[in-house]
Each structure stands twice: as structure tokens, then as C-alpha cells.
Amino acid sequence: MPKAFSEAEKNMINDKLIEAGQELFSRFGLKKTGIKDITEAAGISQGSFYSFYSSKEELYFTILEAEEEKIQKEILDSNIFKGEITAQSFKDFLMKGFQLIDKNQLIKRLYQNQREYQQIVRKLPEEKIEDHIKSDTEKLMPLITSLQEKDKMIEEKPEVISGLLRSLFLLTLHREEIGEEIYPDTIELLIDLISRGLIKE
């Protein structure tokens, strides 16, 4: 039975698990990374792993949420909206999101591998997925309502616009179906059409 850890030890071990998981998942993917690989890299026993996470999928999801949060913060803190709000500046905002995802090996790997994505979804409790979707929606709401209050965005339910923007990023899961060669141009055209459809000029 795993020993009881102090709060400081828990934080330190969790940090090590996240660091080890991020490195291994980015390099080898979810399927080829085992709990033994993660615990050996983190320097803890396999039994102790379950004091922190119920599965490697839950660890992956925790890391994924943290990475997505960094990207969201970087986009929302950017200077894109400091000047005049135009369809072009909104397009730049959305394109920046795709560029940051493309640079992030962990997110990019997952979004380009539907099997791994489905494996994570199957293993996680339904409420955890629902909380994640709700959190994504809530993060976009202040931006959407702010643009609507400034009469820069069309009058549509903010949650519907949030759903549209989240759906756009989910297309990263269908890169192969869209076609590798035309994917970048397809996404840029779609972003352009969405930006011109949402932003009032």
C-alpha cells in the first residue's frame, strides 16, 4: 500500500508526474507510454501513481488542460484586440490559436491521432469532459460579450458563438479527412469566412 505523503511531497510528486508525462506523451504518444515508464521517470512506485491519478489517460488530460490554458492565456493576452476591432484582427486572433496548437507537440499529436483522443474520452468520467467543455465556453464568453457590447460582433447568443469557435478548433481532429495538402488553406478560408461573418465593420 502506498505511503501517506505530506502536502509538500504530494505537490512535488505531482509536478514530477506531470513533467515526466508531458515528455513521454509528447515523444511516444499515449499508447506507447505505460504507467511504468512514467513512474520510473518520476522516481516513484507504480502503486503510488494511483494516489494521484486513476489512469494514464487522466494524467494526459490534466497535462492537456494545462497546455490548452497556457495557449488560451497567450491568445487572450495578445495585442490583437488592443487596436481597432476588424474582421482581419479577429482572423489574426483565430489563426494565432491554430499556430500555437501546431507548435505544441503534445496537443498536436493528440489532435492528429483520433484513436488516442477517443481512448482518453472513453477512460475519463463523463462529468470531467462536461466540465472541460463548460470551462472552454466560459473562457470565451467575456471576449464575446465585450465585442457585442461594443457593437463589433453580431447579436447572437454568446454560447452559440462560443460553440462555433470551439467547433472550428475541433477540426484539428479531422486533418486527414480534410486532406493534409489542403488543410492549411481550408482552415484559413474557413477562419476568414467566420471572421467576416461575426465581426461588424
N, C-alpha and C. Protein backbone atom coordinates (compact mmCIF):
# COMPACT_ATOMS: atom_id res chain seq x y z
N MET A 1 0.85 -1.19 0.00
CA MET A 1 0.00 0.00 0.00
C MET A 1 0.89 1.24 0.00
N PRO A 2 0.61 2.25 -0.87
CA PRO A 2 1.44 3.44 -0.95
C PRO A 2 1.47 4.19 0.37
N LYS A 3 2.61 4.73 0.74
CA LYS A 3 2.74 5.50 1.97
C LYS A 3 1.96 6.81 1.84
N ALA A 4 1.60 7.37 3.02
CA ALA A 4 0.90 8.65 3.02
C ALA A 4 1.93 9.76 2.78
N PHE A 5 1.60 10.68 1.88
CA PHE A 5 2.52 11.76 1.56
C PHE A 5 2.07 13.05 2.24
N SER A 6 3.03 13.87 2.61
CA SER A 6 2.71 15.20 3.12
C SER A 6 2.24 16.06 1.95
N GLU A 7 1.66 17.21 2.25
CA GLU A 7 1.16 18.09 1.19
C GLU A 7 2.30 18.54 0.28
N ALA A 8 3.45 18.85 0.88
CA ALA A 8 4.62 19.29 0.10
C ALA A 8 5.11 18.16 -0.81
N GLU A 9 5.11 16.92 -0.26
CA GLU A 9 5.53 15.77 -1.06
C GLU A 9 4.56 15.51 -2.21
N LYS A 10 3.25 15.64 -1.92
CA LYS A 10 2.24 15.46 -2.97
C LYS A 10 2.46 16.43 -4.12
N ASN A 11 2.69 17.69 -3.78
CA ASN A 11 2.90 18.70 -4.83
C ASN A 11 4.14 18.40 -5.64
N MET A 12 5.22 17.99 -4.96
CA MET A 12 6.48 17.69 -5.64
C MET A 12 6.33 16.47 -6.56
N ILE A 13 5.67 15.43 -6.05
CA ILE A 13 5.49 14.21 -6.86
C ILE A 13 4.57 14.49 -8.04
N ASN A 14 3.51 15.24 -7.80
CA ASN A 14 2.58 15.55 -8.89
C ASN A 14 3.30 16.34 -9.99
N ASP A 15 4.15 17.28 -9.59
CA ASP A 15 4.93 18.05 -10.56
C ASP A 15 5.83 17.13 -11.38
N LYS A 16 6.43 16.14 -10.71
CA LYS A 16 7.30 15.19 -11.41
C LYS A 16 6.51 14.31 -12.38
N LEU A 17 5.32 13.90 -11.96
CA LEU A 17 4.47 13.08 -12.83
C LEU A 17 4.05 13.86 -14.07
N ILE A 18 3.69 15.12 -13.87
CA ILE A 18 3.29 15.96 -15.00
C ILE A 18 4.46 16.20 -15.94
N GLU A 19 5.63 16.46 -15.36
CA GLU A 19 6.83 16.69 -16.19
C GLU A 19 7.20 15.42 -16.98
N ALA A 20 7.18 14.28 -16.30
CA ALA A 20 7.52 13.01 -16.96
C ALA A 20 6.47 12.66 -18.01
N GLY A 21 5.20 12.83 -17.66
CA GLY A 21 4.12 12.53 -18.59
C GLY A 21 4.18 13.40 -19.83
N GLN A 22 4.42 14.67 -19.62
CA GLN A 22 4.48 15.59 -20.76
C GLN A 22 5.59 15.20 -21.73
N GLU A 23 6.75 14.86 -21.18
CA GLU A 23 7.89 14.47 -22.01
C GLU A 23 7.60 13.16 -22.77
N LEU A 24 7.11 12.16 -22.06
CA LEU A 24 6.89 10.85 -22.67
C LEU A 24 5.71 10.85 -23.64
N PHE A 25 4.62 11.49 -23.27
CA PHE A 25 3.45 11.55 -24.17
C PHE A 25 3.79 12.32 -25.45
N SER A 26 4.58 13.38 -25.30
CA SER A 26 4.95 14.17 -26.48
C SER A 26 5.83 13.37 -27.43
N ARG A 27 6.72 12.55 -26.86
CA ARG A 27 7.68 11.79 -27.69
C ARG A 27 7.06 10.52 -28.25
N PHE A 28 6.31 9.79 -27.41
CA PHE A 28 5.88 8.45 -27.81
C PHE A 28 4.36 8.30 -27.98
N GLY A 29 3.60 9.27 -27.53
CA GLY A 29 2.15 9.16 -27.61
C GLY A 29 1.57 8.40 -26.44
N LEU A 30 0.26 8.37 -26.36
CA LEU A 30 -0.44 7.75 -25.24
C LEU A 30 -0.28 6.23 -25.24
N LYS A 31 -0.48 5.61 -26.39
CA LYS A 31 -0.49 4.14 -26.49
C LYS A 31 0.85 3.53 -26.10
N LYS A 32 1.95 4.15 -26.54
CA LYS A 32 3.28 3.58 -26.31
C LYS A 32 3.90 4.00 -24.99
N THR A 33 3.17 4.78 -24.21
CA THR A 33 3.67 5.20 -22.90
C THR A 33 2.87 4.47 -21.82
N GLY A 34 3.59 3.72 -20.99
CA GLY A 34 2.93 2.98 -19.90
C GLY A 34 3.10 3.69 -18.57
N ILE A 35 2.30 3.30 -17.61
CA ILE A 35 2.41 3.90 -16.27
C ILE A 35 3.79 3.62 -15.69
N LYS A 36 4.34 2.43 -15.99
CA LYS A 36 5.68 2.10 -15.50
C LYS A 36 6.72 3.09 -16.05
N ASP A 37 6.59 3.46 -17.32
CA ASP A 37 7.52 4.43 -17.92
C ASP A 37 7.45 5.77 -17.18
N ILE A 38 6.21 6.17 -16.88
CA ILE A 38 6.00 7.47 -16.23
C ILE A 38 6.55 7.45 -14.81
N THR A 39 6.23 6.39 -14.06
CA THR A 39 6.67 6.34 -12.66
C THR A 39 8.18 6.19 -12.53
N GLU A 40 8.79 5.45 -13.46
CA GLU A 40 10.26 5.34 -13.44
C GLU A 40 10.91 6.69 -13.71
N ALA A 41 10.36 7.43 -14.67
CA ALA A 41 10.90 8.75 -14.99
C ALA A 41 10.68 9.73 -13.84
N ALA A 42 9.56 9.56 -13.11
CA ALA A 42 9.25 10.46 -12.00
C ALA A 42 9.91 10.02 -10.70
N GLY A 43 10.41 8.78 -10.66
CA GLY A 43 11.09 8.27 -9.47
C GLY A 43 10.14 7.87 -8.35
N ILE A 44 8.94 7.35 -8.71
CA ILE A 44 8.02 6.87 -7.69
C ILE A 44 7.55 5.46 -8.07
N SER A 45 6.90 4.78 -7.13
CA SER A 45 6.41 3.43 -7.40
C SER A 45 5.12 3.49 -8.22
N GLN A 46 4.84 2.38 -8.92
CA GLN A 46 3.60 2.33 -9.70
C GLN A 46 2.37 2.42 -8.80
N GLY A 47 2.47 1.82 -7.62
CA GLY A 47 1.35 1.87 -6.69
C GLY A 47 1.04 3.29 -6.26
N SER A 48 2.09 4.09 -6.09
CA SER A 48 1.89 5.48 -5.65
C SER A 48 1.22 6.32 -6.73
N PHE A 49 1.40 5.92 -7.99
CA PHE A 49 0.79 6.67 -9.10
C PHE A 49 -0.71 6.82 -8.89
N TYR A 50 -1.34 5.74 -8.39
CA TYR A 50 -2.81 5.73 -8.26
C TYR A 50 -3.31 6.57 -7.09
N SER A 51 -2.39 7.09 -6.30
CA SER A 51 -2.78 8.06 -5.27
C SER A 51 -3.04 9.42 -5.90
N PHE A 52 -2.58 9.58 -7.15
CA PHE A 52 -2.69 10.87 -7.83
C PHE A 52 -3.65 10.82 -9.02
N TYR A 53 -3.58 9.74 -9.78
CA TYR A 53 -4.40 9.62 -11.00
C TYR A 53 -4.96 8.21 -11.12
N SER A 54 -6.17 8.11 -11.64
CA SER A 54 -6.81 6.81 -11.79
C SER A 54 -6.29 6.05 -13.00
N SER A 55 -5.69 6.76 -13.95
CA SER A 55 -5.19 6.15 -15.18
C SER A 55 -4.20 7.09 -15.86
N LYS A 56 -3.45 6.56 -16.82
CA LYS A 56 -2.54 7.42 -17.58
C LYS A 56 -3.33 8.41 -18.42
N GLU A 57 -4.56 8.02 -18.80
CA GLU A 57 -5.42 8.91 -19.59
C GLU A 57 -5.80 10.15 -18.78
N GLU A 58 -6.05 9.96 -17.49
CA GLU A 58 -6.39 11.11 -16.64
C GLU A 58 -5.19 12.04 -16.50
N LEU A 59 -3.98 11.47 -16.37
CA LEU A 59 -2.77 12.30 -16.32
C LEU A 59 -2.61 13.07 -17.62
N TYR A 60 -2.80 12.39 -18.74
CA TYR A 60 -2.68 13.04 -20.06
C TYR A 60 -3.66 14.22 -20.14
N PHE A 61 -4.90 13.97 -19.72
CA PHE A 61 -5.93 15.00 -19.80
C PHE A 61 -5.59 16.20 -18.92
N THR A 62 -5.03 15.94 -17.75
CA THR A 62 -4.62 17.02 -16.84
C THR A 62 -3.53 17.87 -17.50
N ILE A 63 -2.56 17.21 -18.12
CA ILE A 63 -1.49 17.91 -18.82
C ILE A 63 -2.05 18.70 -19.99
N LEU A 64 -2.95 18.06 -20.73
CA LEU A 64 -3.57 18.69 -21.90
C LEU A 64 -4.32 19.96 -21.50
N GLU A 65 -5.09 19.89 -20.41
CA GLU A 65 -5.83 21.07 -19.94
C GLU A 65 -4.88 22.22 -19.59
N ALA A 66 -3.76 21.87 -18.94
CA ALA A 66 -2.79 22.90 -18.57
C ALA A 66 -2.16 23.54 -19.80
N GLU A 67 -1.86 22.73 -20.81
CA GLU A 67 -1.28 23.25 -22.05
C GLU A 67 -2.28 24.13 -22.80
N GLU A 68 -3.55 23.68 -22.84
CA GLU A 68 -4.58 24.48 -23.50
C GLU A 68 -4.78 25.81 -22.79
N GLU A 69 -4.70 25.78 -21.46
CA GLU A 69 -4.87 27.01 -20.68
C GLU A 69 -3.76 28.02 -20.99
N LYS A 70 -2.53 27.51 -21.14
CA LYS A 70 -1.40 28.39 -21.50
C LYS A 70 -1.65 29.05 -22.85
N ILE A 71 -2.12 28.25 -23.81
CA ILE A 71 -2.39 28.77 -25.15
C ILE A 71 -3.51 29.80 -25.12
N GLN A 72 -4.60 29.48 -24.41
CA GLN A 72 -5.72 30.41 -24.31
C GLN A 72 -5.27 31.73 -23.69
N LYS A 73 -4.46 31.64 -22.64
CA LYS A 73 -3.98 32.86 -21.97
C LYS A 73 -3.11 33.69 -22.91
N GLU A 74 -2.23 33.00 -23.65
CA GLU A 74 -1.35 33.71 -24.57
C GLU A 74 -2.14 34.42 -25.66
N ILE A 75 -3.18 33.76 -26.17
CA ILE A 75 -4.00 34.37 -27.22
C ILE A 75 -4.79 35.55 -26.67
N LEU A 76 -5.46 35.33 -25.53
CA LEU A 76 -6.32 36.37 -24.96
C LEU A 76 -5.52 37.56 -24.43
N ASP A 77 -4.25 37.31 -24.06
CA ASP A 77 -3.40 38.40 -23.57
C ASP A 77 -2.64 39.10 -24.70
N SER A 78 -2.85 38.65 -25.93
CA SER A 78 -2.11 39.21 -27.06
C SER A 78 -2.59 40.61 -27.38
N ASN A 79 -1.87 41.28 -28.26
CA ASN A 79 -2.18 42.67 -28.61
C ASN A 79 -3.18 42.79 -29.75
N ILE A 80 -3.74 41.68 -30.19
CA ILE A 80 -4.60 41.70 -31.37
C ILE A 80 -5.80 42.62 -31.18
N PHE A 81 -6.34 42.66 -29.96
CA PHE A 81 -7.54 43.46 -29.73
C PHE A 81 -7.25 44.81 -29.08
N LYS A 82 -5.99 45.20 -29.04
CA LYS A 82 -5.65 46.48 -28.42
C LYS A 82 -5.99 47.65 -29.36
N GLY A 83 -6.00 47.38 -30.65
CA GLY A 83 -6.32 48.43 -31.61
C GLY A 83 -7.76 48.30 -32.11
N GLU A 84 -7.99 48.67 -33.35
CA GLU A 84 -9.33 48.61 -33.93
C GLU A 84 -9.73 47.16 -34.15
N ILE A 85 -10.99 46.86 -33.80
CA ILE A 85 -11.51 45.51 -34.00
C ILE A 85 -12.03 45.39 -35.43
N THR A 86 -11.41 44.53 -36.19
CA THR A 86 -11.83 44.31 -37.58
C THR A 86 -11.93 42.81 -37.84
N ALA A 87 -12.51 42.47 -38.98
CA ALA A 87 -12.56 41.06 -39.36
C ALA A 87 -11.14 40.50 -39.49
N GLN A 88 -10.22 41.33 -39.97
CA GLN A 88 -8.83 40.88 -40.13
C GLN A 88 -8.16 40.63 -38.78
N SER A 89 -8.39 41.53 -37.81
CA SER A 89 -7.77 41.34 -36.49
C SER A 89 -8.36 40.12 -35.79
N PHE A 90 -9.65 39.85 -36.02
CA PHE A 90 -10.27 38.66 -35.43
C PHE A 90 -9.74 37.40 -36.12
N LYS A 91 -9.53 37.49 -37.41
CA LYS A 91 -8.93 36.37 -38.14
C LYS A 91 -7.52 36.10 -37.61
N ASP A 92 -6.75 37.16 -37.38
CA ASP A 92 -5.39 37.01 -36.83
C ASP A 92 -5.44 36.32 -35.47
N PHE A 93 -6.43 36.69 -34.68
CA PHE A 93 -6.63 36.10 -33.35
C PHE A 93 -6.84 34.58 -33.45
N LEU A 94 -7.73 34.17 -34.35
CA LEU A 94 -8.02 32.74 -34.52
C LEU A 94 -6.84 31.99 -35.15
N MET A 95 -6.19 32.62 -36.11
CA MET A 95 -5.03 31.99 -36.75
C MET A 95 -3.90 31.78 -35.74
N LYS A 96 -3.73 32.73 -34.83
CA LYS A 96 -2.70 32.61 -33.80
C LYS A 96 -2.96 31.36 -32.95
N GLY A 97 -4.25 31.10 -32.66
CA GLY A 97 -4.59 29.90 -31.90
C GLY A 97 -4.17 28.63 -32.61
N PHE A 98 -4.43 28.55 -33.90
CA PHE A 98 -4.04 27.37 -34.68
C PHE A 98 -2.51 27.24 -34.74
N GLN A 99 -1.82 28.36 -34.87
CA GLN A 99 -0.36 28.33 -34.93
C GLN A 99 0.24 27.83 -33.62
N LEU A 100 -0.33 28.27 -32.49
CA LEU A 100 0.18 27.84 -31.18
C LEU A 100 -0.09 26.35 -30.95
N ILE A 101 -1.24 25.88 -31.40
CA ILE A 101 -1.56 24.44 -31.29
C ILE A 101 -0.57 23.64 -32.13
N ASP A 102 -0.28 24.15 -33.32
CA ASP A 102 0.62 23.45 -34.23
C ASP A 102 2.04 23.36 -33.67
N LYS A 103 2.42 24.32 -32.82
CA LYS A 103 3.76 24.32 -32.23
C LYS A 103 3.84 23.45 -30.98
N ASN A 104 2.68 23.12 -30.40
CA ASN A 104 2.65 22.34 -29.17
C ASN A 104 2.60 20.86 -29.52
N GLN A 105 3.68 20.15 -29.28
CA GLN A 105 3.80 18.76 -29.72
C GLN A 105 2.76 17.86 -29.08
N LEU A 106 2.47 18.10 -27.80
CA LEU A 106 1.52 17.24 -27.09
C LEU A 106 0.11 17.39 -27.67
N ILE A 107 -0.35 18.63 -27.81
CA ILE A 107 -1.70 18.87 -28.33
C ILE A 107 -1.78 18.46 -29.79
N LYS A 108 -0.77 18.82 -30.55
CA LYS A 108 -0.75 18.49 -31.98
C LYS A 108 -0.82 16.98 -32.18
N ARG A 109 -0.05 16.25 -31.39
CA ARG A 109 -0.02 14.78 -31.53
C ARG A 109 -1.40 14.18 -31.24
N LEU A 110 -2.03 14.68 -30.18
CA LEU A 110 -3.34 14.15 -29.82
C LEU A 110 -4.39 14.49 -30.87
N TYR A 111 -4.39 15.75 -31.33
CA TYR A 111 -5.39 16.18 -32.29
C TYR A 111 -5.23 15.50 -33.64
N GLN A 112 -4.03 15.01 -33.91
CA GLN A 112 -3.81 14.34 -35.18
C GLN A 112 -3.96 12.82 -35.06
N ASN A 113 -4.28 12.35 -33.86
CA ASN A 113 -4.46 10.91 -33.65
C ASN A 113 -5.82 10.68 -32.98
N GLN A 114 -6.82 10.44 -33.79
CA GLN A 114 -8.18 10.29 -33.27
C GLN A 114 -8.31 9.10 -32.32
N ARG A 115 -7.53 8.04 -32.56
CA ARG A 115 -7.63 6.86 -31.69
C ARG A 115 -7.22 7.21 -30.26
N GLU A 116 -6.13 7.98 -30.12
CA GLU A 116 -5.68 8.37 -28.80
C GLU A 116 -6.70 9.30 -28.14
N TYR A 117 -7.25 10.20 -28.93
CA TYR A 117 -8.27 11.12 -28.41
C TYR A 117 -9.47 10.34 -27.89
N GLN A 118 -9.94 9.37 -28.68
CA GLN A 118 -11.10 8.56 -28.28
C GLN A 118 -10.78 7.71 -27.06
N GLN A 119 -9.54 7.24 -26.96
CA GLN A 119 -9.12 6.44 -25.81
C GLN A 119 -9.22 7.25 -24.52
N ILE A 120 -8.80 8.51 -24.59
CA ILE A 120 -8.88 9.39 -23.43
C ILE A 120 -10.33 9.66 -23.06
N VAL A 121 -11.14 9.97 -24.05
CA VAL A 121 -12.56 10.27 -23.81
C VAL A 121 -13.25 9.07 -23.17
N ARG A 122 -12.95 7.86 -23.64
CA ARG A 122 -13.59 6.65 -23.10
C ARG A 122 -13.22 6.39 -21.65
N LYS A 123 -11.97 6.71 -21.29
CA LYS A 123 -11.46 6.39 -19.96
C LYS A 123 -11.87 7.41 -18.90
N LEU A 124 -12.20 8.63 -19.32
CA LEU A 124 -12.50 9.69 -18.35
C LEU A 124 -13.97 9.68 -17.95
N PRO A 125 -14.25 10.08 -16.70
CA PRO A 125 -15.65 10.21 -16.29
C PRO A 125 -16.35 11.26 -17.15
N GLU A 126 -17.61 11.02 -17.46
CA GLU A 126 -18.37 11.92 -18.34
C GLU A 126 -18.40 13.34 -17.80
N GLU A 127 -18.51 13.47 -16.46
CA GLU A 127 -18.59 14.82 -15.87
C GLU A 127 -17.30 15.61 -16.06
N LYS A 128 -16.17 14.90 -16.15
CA LYS A 128 -14.89 15.59 -16.36
C LYS A 128 -14.84 16.20 -17.76
N ILE A 129 -15.34 15.49 -18.76
CA ILE A 129 -15.41 16.01 -20.12
C ILE A 129 -16.38 17.19 -20.17
N GLU A 130 -17.52 17.04 -19.50
CA GLU A 130 -18.52 18.12 -19.48
C GLU A 130 -17.96 19.37 -18.82
N ASP A 131 -17.21 19.20 -17.73
CA ASP A 131 -16.60 20.34 -17.03
C ASP A 131 -15.59 21.04 -17.93
N HIS A 132 -14.87 20.24 -18.73
CA HIS A 132 -13.87 20.81 -19.64
C HIS A 132 -14.55 21.65 -20.72
N ILE A 133 -15.62 21.15 -21.29
CA ILE A 133 -16.36 21.88 -22.33
C ILE A 133 -16.94 23.16 -21.74
N LYS A 134 -17.51 23.05 -20.53
CA LYS A 134 -18.10 24.22 -19.85
C LYS A 134 -17.03 25.27 -19.58
N SER A 135 -15.85 24.82 -19.16
CA SER A 135 -14.75 25.75 -18.88
C SER A 135 -14.30 26.47 -20.14
N ASP A 136 -14.18 25.73 -21.25
CA ASP A 136 -13.80 26.35 -22.53
C ASP A 136 -14.81 27.41 -22.96
N THR A 137 -16.09 27.09 -22.78
CA THR A 137 -17.16 28.03 -23.14
C THR A 137 -17.07 29.29 -22.30
N GLU A 138 -16.89 29.11 -21.00
CA GLU A 138 -16.86 30.25 -20.07
C GLU A 138 -15.66 31.17 -20.33
N LYS A 139 -14.56 30.60 -20.77
CA LYS A 139 -13.38 31.42 -21.03
C LYS A 139 -13.58 32.35 -22.23
N LEU A 140 -14.39 31.92 -23.19
CA LEU A 140 -14.64 32.73 -24.38
C LEU A 140 -15.74 33.77 -24.17
N MET A 141 -16.62 33.54 -23.19
CA MET A 141 -17.78 34.40 -23.00
C MET A 141 -17.44 35.88 -22.77
N PRO A 142 -16.46 36.20 -21.88
CA PRO A 142 -16.17 37.62 -21.66
C PRO A 142 -15.73 38.34 -22.94
N LEU A 143 -14.93 37.68 -23.76
CA LEU A 143 -14.49 38.28 -25.02
C LEU A 143 -15.68 38.52 -25.95
N ILE A 144 -16.53 37.51 -26.08
CA ILE A 144 -17.68 37.62 -26.98
C ILE A 144 -18.64 38.72 -26.52
N THR A 145 -18.99 38.72 -25.23
CA THR A 145 -19.93 39.73 -24.72
C THR A 145 -19.33 41.13 -24.81
N SER A 146 -18.02 41.23 -24.60
CA SER A 146 -17.35 42.54 -24.71
C SER A 146 -17.44 43.08 -26.13
N LEU A 147 -17.20 42.23 -27.13
CA LEU A 147 -17.29 42.65 -28.53
C LEU A 147 -18.73 43.00 -28.91
N GLN A 148 -19.68 42.27 -28.36
CA GLN A 148 -21.09 42.56 -28.65
C GLN A 148 -21.50 43.90 -28.02
N GLU A 149 -21.03 44.16 -26.80
CA GLU A 149 -21.35 45.42 -26.13
C GLU A 149 -20.77 46.62 -26.88
N LYS A 150 -19.65 46.40 -27.54
CA LYS A 150 -19.02 47.47 -28.34
C LYS A 150 -19.62 47.54 -29.75
N ASP A 151 -20.63 46.71 -30.00
CA ASP A 151 -21.29 46.62 -31.30
C ASP A 151 -20.30 46.24 -32.41
N LYS A 152 -19.36 45.35 -32.04
CA LYS A 152 -18.36 44.89 -33.01
C LYS A 152 -18.64 43.46 -33.47
N MET A 153 -19.54 42.78 -32.76
CA MET A 153 -19.86 41.39 -33.12
C MET A 153 -21.37 41.25 -33.25
N ILE A 154 -21.80 40.37 -34.14
CA ILE A 154 -23.22 40.18 -34.41
C ILE A 154 -23.97 39.77 -33.14
N GLU A 155 -25.26 40.10 -33.11
CA GLU A 155 -26.10 39.77 -31.96
C GLU A 155 -26.60 38.33 -32.08
N GLU A 156 -25.83 37.43 -31.56
CA GLU A 156 -26.20 36.01 -31.50
C GLU A 156 -25.90 35.57 -30.08
N LYS A 157 -26.54 34.52 -29.62
CA LYS A 157 -26.28 34.05 -28.25
C LYS A 157 -24.77 33.79 -28.08
N PRO A 158 -24.16 34.37 -27.03
CA PRO A 158 -22.71 34.18 -26.82
C PRO A 158 -22.30 32.71 -26.76
N GLU A 159 -23.17 31.86 -26.17
CA GLU A 159 -22.81 30.43 -26.07
C GLU A 159 -22.82 29.76 -27.44
N VAL A 160 -23.65 30.28 -28.36
CA VAL A 160 -23.67 29.74 -29.72
C VAL A 160 -22.39 30.13 -30.46
N ILE A 161 -21.97 31.39 -30.29
CA ILE A 161 -20.72 31.84 -30.92
C ILE A 161 -19.53 31.07 -30.34
N SER A 162 -19.56 30.87 -29.03
CA SER A 162 -18.51 30.08 -28.37
C SER A 162 -18.47 28.67 -28.94
N GLY A 163 -19.67 28.08 -29.15
CA GLY A 163 -19.74 26.73 -29.73
C GLY A 163 -19.17 26.70 -31.14
N LEU A 164 -19.44 27.76 -31.91
CA LEU A 164 -18.90 27.85 -33.26
C LEU A 164 -17.38 27.87 -33.24
N LEU A 165 -16.81 28.68 -32.35
CA LEU A 165 -15.35 28.81 -32.28
C LEU A 165 -14.70 27.53 -31.77
N ARG A 166 -15.33 26.87 -30.81
CA ARG A 166 -14.79 25.59 -30.33
C ARG A 166 -14.87 24.52 -31.42
N SER A 167 -15.96 24.56 -32.19
CA SER A 167 -16.11 23.59 -33.30
C SER A 167 -15.01 23.77 -34.34
N LEU A 168 -14.64 25.03 -34.56
CA LEU A 168 -13.57 25.33 -35.51
C LEU A 168 -12.27 24.63 -35.10
N PHE A 169 -11.94 24.70 -33.81
CA PHE A 169 -10.69 24.10 -33.35
C PHE A 169 -10.77 22.58 -33.29
N LEU A 170 -11.99 22.05 -33.18
CA LEU A 170 -12.14 20.58 -33.21
C LEU A 170 -11.85 20.00 -34.59
N LEU A 171 -11.82 20.87 -35.60
CA LEU A 171 -11.49 20.39 -36.95
C LEU A 171 -10.05 19.86 -37.03
N THR A 172 -9.23 20.24 -36.03
CA THR A 172 -7.86 19.71 -36.00
C THR A 172 -7.87 18.19 -35.87
N LEU A 173 -8.98 17.64 -35.34
CA LEU A 173 -9.10 16.18 -35.21
C LEU A 173 -9.38 15.51 -36.55
N HIS A 174 -9.71 16.29 -37.56
CA HIS A 174 -10.13 15.72 -38.84
C HIS A 174 -9.20 16.17 -39.98
N ARG A 175 -7.97 16.39 -39.63
CA ARG A 175 -6.99 16.84 -40.62
C ARG A 175 -6.85 15.86 -41.78
N GLU A 176 -6.79 14.57 -41.46
CA GLU A 176 -6.61 13.55 -42.51
C GLU A 176 -7.82 13.51 -43.44
N GLU A 177 -9.03 13.58 -42.84
CA GLU A 177 -10.24 13.53 -43.67
C GLU A 177 -10.35 14.75 -44.58
N ILE A 178 -9.95 15.90 -44.06
CA ILE A 178 -9.97 17.12 -44.88
C ILE A 178 -8.93 17.02 -45.99
N GLY A 179 -7.79 16.41 -45.66
CA GLY A 179 -6.70 16.26 -46.63
C GLY A 179 -5.51 17.09 -46.21
N GLU A 180 -4.37 16.42 -45.97
CA GLU A 180 -3.17 17.10 -45.48
C GLU A 180 -2.76 18.28 -46.36
N GLU A 181 -2.84 18.08 -47.68
CA GLU A 181 -2.35 19.11 -48.59
C GLU A 181 -3.20 20.37 -48.57
N ILE A 182 -4.51 20.19 -48.41
CA ILE A 182 -5.40 21.37 -48.47
C ILE A 182 -5.81 21.87 -47.08
N TYR A 183 -5.43 21.15 -46.02
CA TYR A 183 -5.86 21.50 -44.66
C TYR A 183 -5.53 22.95 -44.29
N PRO A 184 -4.27 23.42 -44.42
CA PRO A 184 -3.97 24.79 -44.00
C PRO A 184 -4.80 25.85 -44.73
N ASP A 185 -4.93 25.70 -46.05
CA ASP A 185 -5.71 26.67 -46.83
C ASP A 185 -7.19 26.59 -46.49
N THR A 186 -7.68 25.36 -46.24
CA THR A 186 -9.09 25.18 -45.88
C THR A 186 -9.40 25.88 -44.56
N ILE A 187 -8.54 25.67 -43.57
CA ILE A 187 -8.73 26.29 -42.27
C ILE A 187 -8.67 27.81 -42.37
N GLU A 188 -7.70 28.31 -43.12
CA GLU A 188 -7.58 29.77 -43.25
C GLU A 188 -8.81 30.37 -43.92
N LEU A 189 -9.32 29.71 -44.96
CA LEU A 189 -10.52 30.20 -45.64
C LEU A 189 -11.72 30.17 -44.69
N LEU A 190 -11.85 29.09 -43.94
CA LEU A 190 -12.97 28.97 -43.00
C LEU A 190 -12.88 30.06 -41.92
N ILE A 191 -11.68 30.29 -41.41
CA ILE A 191 -11.49 31.33 -40.40
C ILE A 191 -11.82 32.70 -40.99
N ASP A 192 -11.42 32.93 -42.22
CA ASP A 192 -11.72 34.19 -42.88
C ASP A 192 -13.23 34.41 -43.00
N LEU A 193 -13.95 33.37 -43.42
CA LEU A 193 -15.41 33.46 -43.58
C LEU A 193 -16.10 33.67 -42.24
N ILE A 194 -15.64 32.95 -41.20
CA ILE A 194 -16.22 33.09 -39.87
C ILE A 194 -15.97 34.50 -39.34
N SER A 195 -14.75 35.00 -39.50
CA SER A 195 -14.40 36.34 -39.01
C SER A 195 -15.25 37.41 -39.68
N ARG A 196 -15.41 37.30 -40.98
CA ARG A 196 -16.20 38.29 -41.71
C ARG A 196 -17.69 38.16 -41.39
N GLY A 197 -18.09 36.95 -41.01
CA GLY A 197 -19.50 36.74 -40.64
C GLY A 197 -19.83 37.20 -39.24
N LEU A 198 -18.83 37.17 -38.33
CA LEU A 198 -19.08 37.54 -36.94
C LEU A 198 -18.84 39.02 -36.63
N ILE A 199 -17.83 39.59 -37.27
CA ILE A 199 -17.41 40.96 -36.93
C ILE A 199 -18.12 42.00 -37.79
N LYS A 200 -18.65 43.01 -37.12
CA LYS A 200 -19.32 44.12 -37.83
C LYS A 200 -18.28 45.15 -38.23
N GLU A 201 -18.34 45.55 -39.50
CA GLU A 201 -17.42 46.60 -39.96
C GLU A 201 -18.18 47.67 -40.73
